[in-house]
Amino acid sequence: MSARLSGLRKLLRAEKLDALLVTVHEGDSNNVRYLTGFAGTTGVLAVSARRAVLVVDGRYFERAKKEVVSGVSKLKTDEVLGV
């Protein structure tokens, strides 16, 4: 797990938040990239005290497997939606 995710988890605990949802907005992936290393233009990152999950469009899944730091689960949107 990255030091950045660890730091975010500390902030979540300090603020008594269950989780944080970080999205890629209009192709701007700076926040997701900062936390995970993923530089794709589509994705959603959910971070809780115990888990971090990056959900990406199937087109970006192979890229996510290569770029994302360890400790972050990677899912395709169709896996989440059950399609």
C-alpha atoms as a PDB file:
ATOM      1  CA  MET A   1       0.000   0.000   0.000  1.00  0.00           C
ATOM      2  CA  SER A   2       1.256   3.467  -0.785  1.00  0.00           C
ATOM      3  CA  ALA A   3       2.191   6.018   1.843  1.00  0.00           C
ATOM      4  CA  ARG A   4      -0.358   8.336   0.231  1.00  0.00           C
ATOM      5  CA  LEU A   5      -3.197   5.885   0.831  1.00  0.00           C
ATOM      6  CA  SER A   6      -1.984   5.358   4.400  1.00  0.00           C
ATOM      7  CA  GLY A   7      -2.023   9.104   4.950  1.00  0.00           C
ATOM      8  CA  LEU A   8      -5.529   9.367   3.516  1.00  0.00           C
ATOM      9  CA  ARG A   9      -6.711   6.597   5.819  1.00  0.00           C
ATOM     10  CA  LYS A  10      -5.327   8.473   8.818  1.00  0.00           C
ATOM     11  CA  LEU A  11      -7.275  11.550   7.728  1.00  0.00           C
ATOM     12  CA  LEU A  12     -10.437   9.489   7.318  1.00  0.00           C
ATOM     13  CA  ARG A  13     -10.093   8.204  10.879  1.00  0.00           C
ATOM     14  CA  ALA A  14      -9.322  11.660  12.252  1.00  0.00           C
ATOM     15  CA  GLU A  15     -12.396  13.115  10.546  1.00  0.00           C
ATOM     16  CA  LYS A  16     -14.516  10.073  11.522  1.00  0.00           C
ATOM     17  CA  LEU A  17     -15.379   9.312   7.909  1.00  0.00           C
ATOM     18  CA  ASP A  18     -16.196   5.803   6.732  1.00  0.00           C
ATOM     19  CA  ALA A  19     -14.850   6.227   3.216  1.00  0.00           C
ATOM     20  CA  LEU A  20     -13.899   8.617   0.462  1.00  0.00           C
ATOM     21  CA  LEU A  21     -14.923   8.391  -3.181  1.00  0.00           C
ATOM     22  CA  VAL A  22     -12.415   9.892  -5.627  1.00  0.00           C
ATOM     23  CA  THR A  23     -13.503  10.273  -9.229  1.00  0.00           C
ATOM     24  CA  VAL A  24     -11.933  11.164 -12.524  1.00  0.00           C
ATOM     25  CA  HIS A  25     -13.816  14.259 -13.662  1.00  0.00           C
ATOM     26  CA  GLU A  26     -13.810  15.290 -17.320  1.00  0.00           C
ATOM     27  CA  GLY A  27     -10.625  13.347 -17.931  1.00  0.00           C
ATOM     28  CA  ASP A  28      -8.766  14.950 -14.997  1.00  0.00           C
ATOM     29  CA  SER A  29      -7.248  12.005 -13.141  1.00  0.00           C
ATOM     30  CA  ASN A  30      -4.828  13.929 -10.903  1.00  0.00           C
ATOM     31  CA  ASN A  31      -6.354  12.822  -7.578  1.00  0.00           C
ATOM     32  CA  VAL A  32      -6.750   9.178  -8.567  1.00  0.00           C
ATOM     33  CA  ARG A  33      -3.245   9.181 -10.043  1.00  0.00           C
ATOM     34  CA  TYR A  34      -1.778  10.767  -6.898  1.00  0.00           C
ATOM     35  CA  LEU A  35      -3.261   8.033  -4.716  1.00  0.00           C
ATOM     36  CA  THR A  36      -2.871   4.981  -6.964  1.00  0.00           C
ATOM     37  CA  GLY A  37      -0.576   5.682  -9.899  1.00  0.00           C
ATOM     38  CA  PHE A  38      -3.409   5.125 -12.408  1.00  0.00           C
ATOM     39  CA  ALA A  39      -3.374   7.786 -15.126  1.00  0.00           C
ATOM     40  CA  GLY A  40      -6.372   6.687 -17.190  1.00  0.00           C
ATOM     41  CA  THR A  41      -9.119   9.113 -18.108  1.00  0.00           C
ATOM     42  CA  THR A  42     -11.939   7.043 -16.581  1.00  0.00           C
ATOM     43  CA  GLY A  43     -12.156   5.594 -13.100  1.00  0.00           C
ATOM     44  CA  VAL A  44     -13.558   5.766  -9.592  1.00  0.00           C
ATOM     45  CA  LEU A  45     -11.553   5.069  -6.448  1.00  0.00           C
ATOM     46  CA  ALA A  46     -13.215   4.131  -3.164  1.00  0.00           C
ATOM     47  CA  VAL A  47     -10.997   4.229  -0.074  1.00  0.00           C
ATOM     48  CA  SER A  48     -12.045   3.017   3.369  1.00  0.00           C
ATOM     49  CA  ALA A  49     -10.106   2.171   6.498  1.00  0.00           C
ATOM     50  CA  ARG A  50      -9.581  -1.392   5.271  1.00  0.00           C
ATOM     51  CA  ARG A  51      -9.814  -1.361   1.515  1.00  0.00           C
ATOM     52  CA  ALA A  52      -9.125   0.635  -1.606  1.00  0.00           C
ATOM     53  CA  VAL A  53     -10.912  -0.289  -4.825  1.00  0.00           C
ATOM     54  CA  LEU A  54     -10.394   1.231  -8.252  1.00  0.00           C
ATOM     55  CA  VAL A  55     -13.240   0.668 -10.700  1.00  0.00           C
ATOM     56  CA  VAL A  56     -12.410   1.243 -14.355  1.00  0.00           C
ATOM     57  CA  ASP A  57     -14.005   0.769 -17.737  1.00  0.00           C
ATOM     58  CA  GLY A  58     -12.950  -2.535 -19.291  1.00  0.00           C
ATOM     59  CA  ARG A  59     -10.841  -0.639 -21.829  1.00  0.00           C
ATOM     60  CA  TYR A  60      -8.556   0.521 -19.018  1.00  0.00           C
ATOM     61  CA  PHE A  61      -8.344  -2.671 -16.963  1.00  0.00           C
ATOM     62  CA  GLU A  62      -5.014  -3.916 -18.322  1.00  0.00           C
ATOM     63  CA  ARG A  63      -3.543  -0.461 -17.868  1.00  0.00           C
ATOM     64  CA  ALA A  64      -4.793  -0.327 -14.283  1.00  0.00           C
ATOM     65  CA  LYS A  65      -3.194  -3.707 -13.528  1.00  0.00           C
ATOM     66  CA  LYS A  66       0.153  -2.301 -14.685  1.00  0.00           C
ATOM     67  CA  GLU A  67       0.022   1.172 -13.124  1.00  0.00           C
ATOM     68  CA  VAL A  68      -1.815   0.836  -9.814  1.00  0.00           C
ATOM     69  CA  VAL A  69       0.167   0.475  -6.585  1.00  0.00           C
ATOM     70  CA  SER A  70      -0.143  -2.732  -4.579  1.00  0.00           C
ATOM     71  CA  GLY A  71      -2.917  -2.913  -2.031  1.00  0.00           C
ATOM     72  CA  VAL A  72      -5.567  -1.478  -4.364  1.00  0.00           C
ATOM     73  CA  SER A  73      -8.148  -3.873  -5.771  1.00  0.00           C
ATOM     74  CA  LYS A  74      -8.985  -3.369  -9.420  1.00  0.00           C
ATOM     75  CA  LEU A  75     -12.429  -4.090 -10.866  1.00  0.00           C
ATOM     76  CA  LYS A  76     -14.090  -3.581 -14.227  1.00  0.00           C
ATOM     77  CA  THR A  77     -17.369  -1.675 -14.253  1.00  0.00           C
ATOM     78  CA  ASP A  78     -19.226  -4.738 -15.536  1.00  0.00           C
ATOM     79  CA  GLU A  79     -17.961  -6.743 -12.525  1.00  0.00           C
ATOM     80  CA  VAL A  80     -19.413  -4.147 -10.165  1.00  0.00           C
ATOM     81  CA  LEU A  81     -22.702  -3.821 -12.025  1.00  0.00           C
ATOM     82  CA  GLY A  82     -23.102  -7.552 -12.630  1.00  0.00           C
ATOM     83  CA  VAL A  83     -23.473  -7.075 -16.375  1.00  0.00           C
END
